Amino acid sequence: MITNIEEFCRLFYDTTFIPIHCYDIPSGSCCSFPALLGNQDIFGTSFPGFLNFSKSPDYIISPSFSYLGYMEVENSGCLILVGPVFSTPSSDFTIRNFMKEWAVSLEYKQDIAQFLISTPSVSFPRFLNTLAYLQLCLNDKKLDINQHFNLDDSNLIHTFSSLHSEQVYESKENRNYHNTYHFERKLMQYIQSGDVKKVESLLQNAVELSAGTMADNALRQEKNIFITSVALATRSAIEGGMDMEQAYQLADVYIQDCEHTQDISYISALEYSMIIDFTERVAKNKIPRGMSQEIFECIQFITQHINDPIQVSDVAEHIGKSRSYLCEKFKKELGFDVSRFIMRCKLEEAKSLLTYSNKALSEISNYLCFSSQSYFQNVFKKKYGLTPKQYRDQTRQLP
């Protein structure tokens, strides 16, 4: 058993940067990591009313959607409070709500902002696993997360089965059916193949689609439909050869933009642009069908490490094969060399940065690990017939 709980908490915070507090009930003392959370000038001496735990360990999700965990350290008289942490990076909206629920004065906004920004984002499953880890360390007990926190509650399945049965009955009575399946299948197929013309034709000639009811107001309904469309487009694009990280990051950008708007007509236009964007990106990096899993993994590895000084040997090592085996298989399936593909990916990334960022040529060259800026300029001009500067000037002038 751990005897120096304060030292344990300090090391826990220094390792994870997840806030943790220890309260020694018999002595009335407490320690907080980081120390900011123990500052009574900022947080006062009383806890918010939502801190209501019913068992140990336990958790609550606060009104600002932060996670806080609770645990009793057996036979010690100590209570542990873990958090607050959020599952997403802190925004100004998050900071304002957090300060309001903890009754923090506006004069400490800068301190609170710095604290929340420096605290890592923690997903809900990871947070529960953190509580399980602390339970094992401090109480020497293994915690079954699903059972302890009622995550495997079979009553939920029964509840939703009943709701589902009622909705199916109502839909059949009113002849109100979903009719998006075949449309979605075609859309996913066209995105995966990078066929922009077929996607445009499908979107322009779509019949009236009924996606069902996914919200209780029109704006939330359209946002939920949009998020579903982004999910379909993202996975279709990855299947078509788009880099996984690039695809997921692009999806995040579109979803965040959708969440910020209150204009339903804008969501409709955004959905069209999003689908075309994914399809065009697949078309630019079109990968032949029938590709082996090994080559697919190589392509993903290359595109995810394009800002590293990656060599053919690194790719071969990633799939556990020899350099000669990789080169022969890559050439046989795709028709070009591995090294050529690596350079192509670097130059395509350079084009994107030249078009959509204000980064200096030297910064782009260093980021993509070219041996020198002059070498970057030479290979870029040889490939596209323009110097990087000429390409940037030309694309900035396009409508």
Protein backbone atom coordinates (compact mmCIF):
# COMPACT_ATOMS: atom_id res chain seq x y z
CA MET A 1 0.00 0.00 0.00
CA ILE A 2 1.13 3.55 -0.72
CA THR A 3 1.84 5.46 2.50
CA ASN A 4 3.02 8.81 1.16
CA ILE A 5 -0.15 9.80 -0.68
CA GLU A 6 0.89 13.41 -1.18
CA GLU A 7 4.10 12.36 -2.93
CA PHE A 8 2.12 9.89 -5.05
CA CYS A 9 -0.26 12.67 -6.13
CA ARG A 10 2.64 14.93 -7.01
CA LEU A 11 4.25 12.25 -9.17
CA PHE A 12 0.88 11.39 -10.74
CA TYR A 13 0.42 15.00 -11.83
CA ASP A 14 4.02 15.40 -13.00
CA THR A 15 3.58 12.28 -15.14
CA THR A 16 0.08 12.82 -16.58
CA PHE A 17 -0.64 16.55 -16.05
CA ILE A 18 -4.11 15.49 -14.92
CA PRO A 19 -5.08 17.63 -11.90
CA ILE A 20 -5.36 15.75 -8.62
CA HIS A 21 -6.21 16.80 -5.05
CA CYS A 22 -5.84 14.97 -1.76
CA TYR A 23 -7.86 15.86 1.36
CA ASP A 24 -6.76 14.49 4.72
CA ILE A 25 -10.00 14.45 6.74
CA PRO A 26 -8.49 13.86 10.23
CA SER A 27 -5.98 16.71 9.98
CA GLY A 28 -8.05 19.00 7.74
CA SER A 29 -5.06 19.51 5.42
CA CYS A 30 -5.09 19.24 1.65
CA CYS A 31 -2.70 19.32 -1.28
CA SER A 32 -3.44 20.19 -4.89
CA PHE A 33 -1.48 19.60 -8.08
CA PRO A 34 -1.16 21.97 -9.77
CA ALA A 35 -1.01 24.32 -6.79
CA LEU A 36 -3.34 26.77 -8.56
CA LEU A 37 -6.35 24.63 -7.66
CA GLY A 38 -5.54 24.89 -3.98
CA ASN A 39 -5.44 28.69 -4.11
CA GLN A 40 -8.36 29.81 -1.95
CA ASP A 41 -8.13 33.35 -3.32
CA ILE A 42 -9.17 31.94 -6.71
CA PHE A 43 -11.49 29.06 -5.86
CA GLY A 44 -12.62 30.00 -2.36
CA THR A 45 -13.30 27.44 0.34
CA SER A 46 -16.61 25.87 -0.77
CA PHE A 47 -17.25 23.36 -3.53
CA PRO A 48 -19.87 23.79 -6.28
CA GLY A 49 -23.19 22.09 -5.65
CA PHE A 50 -22.74 19.62 -8.52
CA LEU A 51 -19.95 17.80 -6.64
CA ASN A 52 -22.23 15.06 -5.39
CA PHE A 53 -20.63 11.61 -5.39
CA SER A 54 -22.50 8.47 -4.31
CA LYS A 55 -19.80 5.79 -4.16
CA SER A 56 -16.06 5.25 -4.37
CA PRO A 57 -14.72 5.51 -6.99
CA ASP A 58 -17.26 7.74 -8.68
CA TYR A 59 -17.36 10.53 -11.26
CA ILE A 60 -19.51 13.42 -12.36
CA ILE A 61 -19.71 15.45 -15.55
CA SER A 62 -20.05 19.11 -14.63
CA PRO A 63 -22.32 21.66 -16.38
CA SER A 64 -19.29 22.83 -18.41
CA PHE A 65 -18.72 19.18 -19.44
CA SER A 66 -15.56 18.67 -17.41
CA TYR A 67 -14.89 15.27 -15.83
CA LEU A 68 -14.21 15.00 -12.11
CA GLY A 69 -13.48 11.77 -10.28
CA TYR A 70 -13.73 10.86 -6.61
CA MET A 71 -12.04 8.15 -4.55
CA GLU A 72 -11.62 7.26 -0.90
CA VAL A 73 -8.22 5.94 0.13
CA GLU A 74 -9.13 3.14 2.48
CA ASN A 75 -7.80 3.10 6.05
CA SER A 76 -6.22 6.53 5.65
CA GLY A 77 -8.96 9.10 6.05
CA CYS A 78 -7.95 10.62 2.71
CA LEU A 79 -10.19 11.60 -0.19
CA ILE A 80 -8.89 11.99 -3.74
CA LEU A 81 -10.44 14.31 -6.32
CA VAL A 82 -9.25 13.89 -9.93
CA GLY A 83 -9.77 16.64 -12.51
CA PRO A 84 -11.21 18.77 -13.86
CA VAL A 85 -10.34 17.60 -17.37
CA PHE A 86 -12.14 18.02 -20.69
CA SER A 87 -12.35 15.69 -23.67
CA THR A 88 -11.73 18.55 -26.12
CA PRO A 89 -9.26 21.47 -26.16
CA SER A 90 -10.43 24.44 -24.11
CA SER A 91 -12.09 27.32 -25.91
CA ASP A 92 -13.08 30.75 -24.62
CA PHE A 93 -16.62 29.38 -24.20
CA THR A 94 -15.28 26.51 -22.06
CA ILE A 95 -13.23 28.87 -19.91
CA ARG A 96 -16.18 31.20 -19.28
CA ASN A 97 -18.48 28.34 -18.28
CA PHE A 98 -15.84 26.77 -16.06
CA MET A 99 -15.25 30.05 -14.21
CA LYS A 100 -18.98 30.56 -13.78
CA GLU A 101 -19.63 27.15 -12.24
CA TRP A 102 -16.63 27.42 -9.89
CA ALA A 103 -17.49 31.07 -9.03
CA VAL A 104 -14.04 32.32 -10.07
CA SER A 105 -13.58 36.09 -10.33
CA LEU A 106 -12.87 37.54 -13.80
CA GLU A 107 -9.56 38.91 -12.55
CA TYR A 108 -8.21 35.34 -12.60
CA LYS A 109 -9.31 34.56 -16.15
CA GLN A 110 -5.73 34.53 -17.44
CA ASP A 111 -4.67 32.04 -14.74
CA ILE A 112 -7.62 29.77 -15.41
CA ALA A 113 -7.11 29.93 -19.17
CA GLN A 114 -3.46 28.95 -18.81
CA PHE A 115 -4.39 26.09 -16.48
CA LEU A 116 -7.06 24.67 -18.79
CA ILE A 117 -4.90 25.03 -21.91
CA SER A 118 -1.99 23.21 -20.25
CA THR A 119 -4.24 20.38 -19.02
CA PRO A 120 -4.38 17.55 -21.58
CA SER A 121 -7.63 16.55 -23.26
CA VAL A 122 -8.80 13.23 -21.83
CA SER A 123 -11.49 11.08 -23.43
CA PHE A 124 -14.23 9.67 -21.22
CA PRO A 125 -13.01 6.03 -21.49
CA ARG A 126 -9.46 7.13 -20.65
CA PHE A 127 -10.74 9.09 -17.65
CA LEU A 128 -12.53 6.02 -16.27
CA ASN A 129 -9.39 3.96 -16.84
CA THR A 130 -7.46 6.58 -14.88
CA LEU A 131 -9.81 6.10 -11.93
CA ALA A 132 -9.34 2.34 -12.22
CA TYR A 133 -5.57 2.82 -12.19
CA LEU A 134 -5.75 4.97 -9.05
CA GLN A 135 -8.02 2.43 -7.37
CA LEU A 136 -5.44 -0.28 -8.01
CA CYS A 137 -2.52 1.89 -6.83
CA LEU A 138 -4.13 3.37 -3.72
CA ASN A 139 -6.50 0.62 -2.60
CA ASP A 140 -4.95 -2.46 -4.24
CA LYS A 141 -8.29 -3.31 -5.85
CA LYS A 142 -8.99 -4.13 -9.47
CA LEU A 143 -11.95 -2.21 -10.83
CA ASP A 144 -14.33 -3.62 -13.45
CA ILE A 145 -15.20 -0.33 -15.18
CA ASN A 146 -18.26 -1.58 -17.04
CA GLN A 147 -19.80 -3.16 -13.98
CA HIS A 148 -18.84 -0.50 -11.42
CA PHE A 149 -20.05 2.44 -13.53
CA ASN A 150 -23.04 0.53 -14.99
CA LEU A 151 -21.77 0.84 -18.55
CA ASP A 152 -23.09 -2.65 -19.39
CA ASP A 153 -26.63 -1.90 -18.22
CA SER A 154 -28.83 -4.30 -20.21
CA ASN A 155 -31.89 -2.25 -19.27
CA LEU A 156 -30.71 0.39 -21.75
CA ILE A 157 -30.94 -2.16 -24.57
CA HIS A 158 -34.48 -3.01 -23.53
CA THR A 159 -35.42 0.68 -23.34
CA PHE A 160 -34.09 1.45 -26.80
CA SER A 161 -35.57 -1.73 -28.25
CA SER A 162 -38.98 -0.57 -27.03
CA LEU A 163 -38.48 2.88 -28.57
CA HIS A 164 -37.28 1.30 -31.80
CA SER A 165 -40.33 -0.96 -31.99
CA GLU A 166 -42.68 1.99 -31.51
CA GLN A 167 -40.93 4.06 -34.17
CA VAL A 168 -40.97 1.22 -36.72
CA TYR A 169 -44.71 0.80 -36.10
CA GLU A 170 -45.36 4.52 -36.57
CA SER A 171 -43.22 4.69 -39.71
CA LYS A 172 -45.08 1.83 -41.34
CA GLU A 173 -48.45 3.28 -40.38
CA ASN A 174 -47.54 6.65 -41.89
CA ARG A 175 -45.55 5.26 -44.86
CA ASN A 176 -42.60 7.32 -43.69
CA TYR A 177 -39.51 5.33 -44.66
CA HIS A 178 -35.79 6.06 -44.85
CA ASN A 179 -34.71 6.12 -48.50
CA THR A 180 -31.03 7.08 -48.30
CA TYR A 181 -29.36 3.65 -48.43
CA HIS A 182 -28.88 3.28 -52.20
CA PHE A 183 -27.93 6.95 -52.51
CA GLU A 184 -25.30 6.54 -49.80
CA ARG A 185 -23.89 3.39 -51.43
CA LYS A 186 -23.44 5.18 -54.75
CA LEU A 187 -21.98 8.27 -53.08
CA MET A 188 -19.43 6.20 -51.14
CA GLN A 189 -18.48 4.30 -54.31
CA TYR A 190 -17.92 7.50 -56.31
CA ILE A 191 -15.91 9.18 -53.54
CA GLN A 192 -13.75 6.07 -53.13
CA SER A 193 -13.01 6.01 -56.86
CA GLY A 194 -12.36 9.78 -56.95
CA ASP A 195 -15.00 10.28 -59.66
CA VAL A 196 -15.87 13.96 -59.26
CA LYS A 197 -18.25 14.09 -62.25
CA LYS A 198 -20.37 11.19 -61.00
CA VAL A 199 -20.50 12.70 -57.51
CA GLU A 200 -21.64 16.05 -58.92
CA SER A 201 -24.30 14.36 -61.06
CA LEU A 202 -25.53 12.28 -58.12
CA LEU A 203 -25.83 15.31 -55.84
CA GLN A 204 -27.51 17.47 -58.47
CA ASN A 205 -30.07 14.81 -59.44
CA ALA A 206 -30.82 13.37 -56.00
CA VAL A 207 -34.47 12.66 -55.34
CA GLU A 208 -36.10 13.85 -52.13
CA LEU A 209 -34.21 12.04 -49.40
CA SER A 210 -35.67 11.09 -46.02
CA ALA A 211 -32.99 10.59 -43.38
CA GLY A 212 -35.37 10.17 -40.48
CA THR A 213 -35.63 12.29 -37.35
CA MET A 214 -32.32 12.76 -35.50
CA ALA A 215 -33.08 15.90 -33.47
CA ASP A 216 -35.90 17.96 -32.03
CA ASN A 217 -35.22 21.09 -34.09
CA ALA A 218 -34.39 21.80 -37.72
CA LEU A 219 -30.91 23.23 -37.15
CA ARG A 220 -29.71 20.29 -35.02
CA GLN A 221 -31.30 17.90 -37.54
CA GLU A 222 -29.27 19.36 -40.41
CA LYS A 223 -26.08 19.34 -38.33
CA ASN A 224 -26.55 15.69 -37.43
CA ILE A 225 -27.16 14.77 -41.07
CA PHE A 226 -24.05 16.73 -42.03
CA ILE A 227 -21.91 14.90 -39.45
CA THR A 228 -23.21 11.57 -40.79
CA SER A 229 -22.27 12.62 -44.33
CA VAL A 230 -18.78 13.62 -43.19
CA ALA A 231 -18.32 10.20 -41.57
CA LEU A 232 -19.32 8.43 -44.80
CA ALA A 233 -17.10 10.68 -46.93
CA THR A 234 -14.11 10.27 -44.60
CA ARG A 235 -14.16 6.49 -44.61
CA SER A 236 -14.81 6.32 -48.35
CA ALA A 237 -11.87 8.64 -49.02
CA ILE A 238 -9.56 6.53 -46.84
CA GLU A 239 -10.65 3.41 -48.73
CA GLY A 240 -9.82 5.32 -51.93
CA GLY A 241 -6.25 5.88 -50.74
CA MET A 242 -6.43 9.20 -48.90
CA ASP A 243 -4.08 9.44 -45.94
CA MET A 244 -6.02 8.50 -42.79
CA GLU A 245 -4.76 11.38 -40.65
CA GLN A 246 -5.36 13.89 -43.46
CA ALA A 247 -8.90 12.55 -43.89
CA TYR A 248 -9.77 12.68 -40.21
CA GLN A 249 -8.27 16.15 -39.81
CA LEU A 250 -10.27 17.38 -42.82
CA ALA A 251 -13.42 15.87 -41.29
CA ASP A 252 -12.73 17.69 -38.02
CA VAL A 253 -12.35 21.02 -39.85
CA TYR A 254 -15.69 20.63 -41.64
CA ILE A 255 -17.57 19.46 -38.54
CA GLN A 256 -16.20 22.32 -36.43
CA ASP A 257 -17.27 24.83 -39.07
CA CYS A 258 -20.74 23.27 -39.20
CA GLU A 259 -21.09 23.44 -35.42
CA HIS A 260 -20.31 27.16 -35.42
CA THR A 261 -23.07 28.16 -37.84
CA GLN A 262 -26.73 28.90 -37.18
CA ASP A 263 -27.59 29.06 -40.88
CA ILE A 264 -29.32 25.96 -42.31
CA SER A 265 -28.74 27.03 -45.92
CA TYR A 266 -25.02 27.36 -45.21
CA ILE A 267 -24.93 23.76 -43.94
CA SER A 268 -26.41 22.58 -47.23
CA ALA A 269 -23.74 24.43 -49.23
CA LEU A 270 -21.04 23.21 -46.84
CA GLU A 271 -22.11 19.58 -47.30
CA TYR A 272 -21.82 19.84 -51.09
CA SER A 273 -18.36 21.44 -50.81
CA MET A 274 -17.23 18.85 -48.29
CA ILE A 275 -18.19 15.88 -50.49
CA ILE A 276 -16.54 17.40 -53.59
CA ASP A 277 -13.43 18.25 -51.56
CA PHE A 278 -12.98 14.67 -50.35
CA THR A 279 -13.60 13.29 -53.84
CA GLU A 280 -11.10 15.64 -55.48
CA ARG A 281 -8.45 14.75 -52.90
CA VAL A 282 -8.95 11.05 -53.64
CA ALA A 283 -8.72 11.76 -57.38
CA LYS A 284 -5.39 13.55 -56.94
CA ASN A 285 -3.92 10.58 -55.08
CA LYS A 286 -5.85 7.84 -56.81
CA ILE A 287 -4.73 4.35 -55.88
CA PRO A 288 -5.57 1.37 -58.12
CA ARG A 289 -8.12 -1.12 -56.83
CA GLY A 290 -6.94 -4.53 -55.69
CA MET A 291 -4.01 -3.09 -53.76
CA SER A 292 -2.48 -5.45 -51.21
CA GLN A 293 -2.67 -4.69 -47.50
CA GLU A 294 1.14 -4.38 -47.38
CA ILE A 295 1.25 -1.64 -50.00
CA PHE A 296 -1.72 0.15 -48.44
CA GLU A 297 0.15 0.22 -45.11
CA CYS A 298 3.26 1.53 -46.88
CA ILE A 299 1.30 4.38 -48.44
CA GLN A 300 -0.29 5.30 -45.12
CA PHE A 301 3.12 5.19 -43.42
CA ILE A 302 4.69 7.43 -46.07
CA THR A 303 1.91 10.03 -46.04
CA GLN A 304 1.89 10.13 -42.23
CA HIS A 305 5.67 10.70 -42.09
CA ILE A 306 6.01 13.09 -45.00
CA ASN A 307 7.60 15.72 -42.75
CA ASP A 308 10.28 13.24 -41.61
CA PRO A 309 13.54 12.39 -43.44
CA ILE A 310 11.93 9.13 -44.57
CA GLN A 311 13.85 6.63 -46.72
CA VAL A 312 12.82 3.49 -48.61
CA SER A 313 14.49 1.41 -45.91
CA ASP A 314 12.21 2.99 -43.28
CA VAL A 315 9.13 1.92 -45.25
CA ALA A 316 10.47 -1.62 -45.68
CA GLU A 317 11.18 -1.85 -41.96
CA HIS A 318 7.63 -0.70 -41.19
CA ILE A 319 6.14 -3.77 -42.92
CA GLY A 320 8.95 -6.09 -41.83
CA LYS A 321 10.23 -6.82 -45.33
CA SER A 322 13.48 -6.31 -47.19
CA ARG A 323 14.13 -3.25 -49.32
CA SER A 324 14.32 -5.34 -52.51
CA TYR A 325 11.00 -7.08 -51.73
CA LEU A 326 9.26 -3.74 -51.13
CA CYS A 327 10.64 -2.09 -54.27
CA GLU A 328 9.61 -5.00 -56.48
CA LYS A 329 6.10 -5.28 -54.99
CA PHE A 330 5.52 -1.51 -54.99
CA LYS A 331 6.56 -1.22 -58.63
CA LYS A 332 4.45 -4.23 -59.62
CA GLU A 333 1.26 -2.95 -57.96
CA LEU A 334 1.53 0.79 -58.57
CA GLY A 335 3.83 1.08 -61.56
CA PHE A 336 6.39 3.42 -59.99
CA ASP A 337 9.21 3.36 -57.44
CA VAL A 338 8.84 3.86 -53.69
CA SER A 339 11.33 6.73 -53.68
CA ARG A 340 9.41 8.42 -56.47
CA PHE A 341 6.19 8.11 -54.48
CA ILE A 342 7.84 9.59 -51.39
CA MET A 343 9.00 12.59 -53.42
CA ARG A 344 5.57 12.93 -55.04
CA CYS A 345 3.92 13.07 -51.58
CA LYS A 346 6.39 15.71 -50.39
CA LEU A 347 5.81 17.86 -53.46
CA GLU A 348 2.01 17.53 -53.20
CA GLU A 349 2.24 18.65 -49.57
CA ALA A 350 4.45 21.54 -50.69
CA LYS A 351 1.79 22.59 -53.22
CA SER A 352 -0.86 22.58 -50.49
CA LEU A 353 1.31 24.68 -48.16
CA LEU A 354 2.18 27.12 -50.96
CA THR A 355 -1.50 27.54 -51.79
CA TYR A 356 -3.15 27.61 -48.39
CA SER A 357 -0.49 28.95 -46.01
CA ASN A 358 1.85 31.92 -45.74
CA LYS A 359 4.84 29.86 -44.67
CA ALA A 360 8.16 30.94 -46.15
CA LEU A 361 9.82 28.73 -48.77
CA SER A 362 12.65 27.98 -46.35
CA GLU A 363 10.15 26.89 -43.70
CA ILE A 364 8.34 24.59 -46.16
CA SER A 365 11.66 23.15 -47.32
CA ASN A 366 12.77 22.43 -43.75
CA TYR A 367 9.37 21.03 -42.77
CA LEU A 368 9.45 18.53 -45.63
CA CYS A 369 13.10 17.62 -44.87
CA PHE A 370 14.65 18.65 -48.18
CA SER A 371 18.45 18.83 -47.93
CA SER A 372 18.37 22.51 -48.90
CA GLN A 373 16.00 25.16 -50.16
CA SER A 374 17.73 25.23 -53.55
CA TYR A 375 17.24 21.47 -53.93
CA PHE A 376 13.55 21.86 -53.03
CA GLN A 377 13.15 24.59 -55.64
CA ASN A 378 14.93 22.53 -58.29
CA VAL A 379 12.87 19.35 -57.86
CA PHE A 380 9.65 21.36 -57.61
CA LYS A 381 10.35 23.17 -60.89
CA LYS A 382 11.39 19.94 -62.60
CA LYS A 383 8.08 18.33 -61.59
CA TYR A 384 5.65 21.20 -62.23
CA GLY A 385 7.50 23.56 -64.61
CA LEU A 386 7.26 26.41 -62.10
CA THR A 387 9.37 27.50 -59.16
CA PRO A 388 7.62 27.33 -55.76
CA LYS A 389 7.28 31.13 -55.76
CA GLN A 390 5.80 31.16 -59.27
CA TYR A 391 3.36 28.42 -58.28
CA ARG A 392 2.28 30.34 -55.16
CA ASP A 393 1.82 33.58 -57.12
CA GLN A 394 -0.19 31.77 -59.77
CA THR A 395 -2.54 29.97 -57.37
CA ARG A 396 -3.13 33.11 -55.31
CA GLN A 397 -4.36 34.87 -58.47
CA LEU A 398 -6.92 32.20 -59.31
CA PRO A 399 -10.57 33.04 -58.50
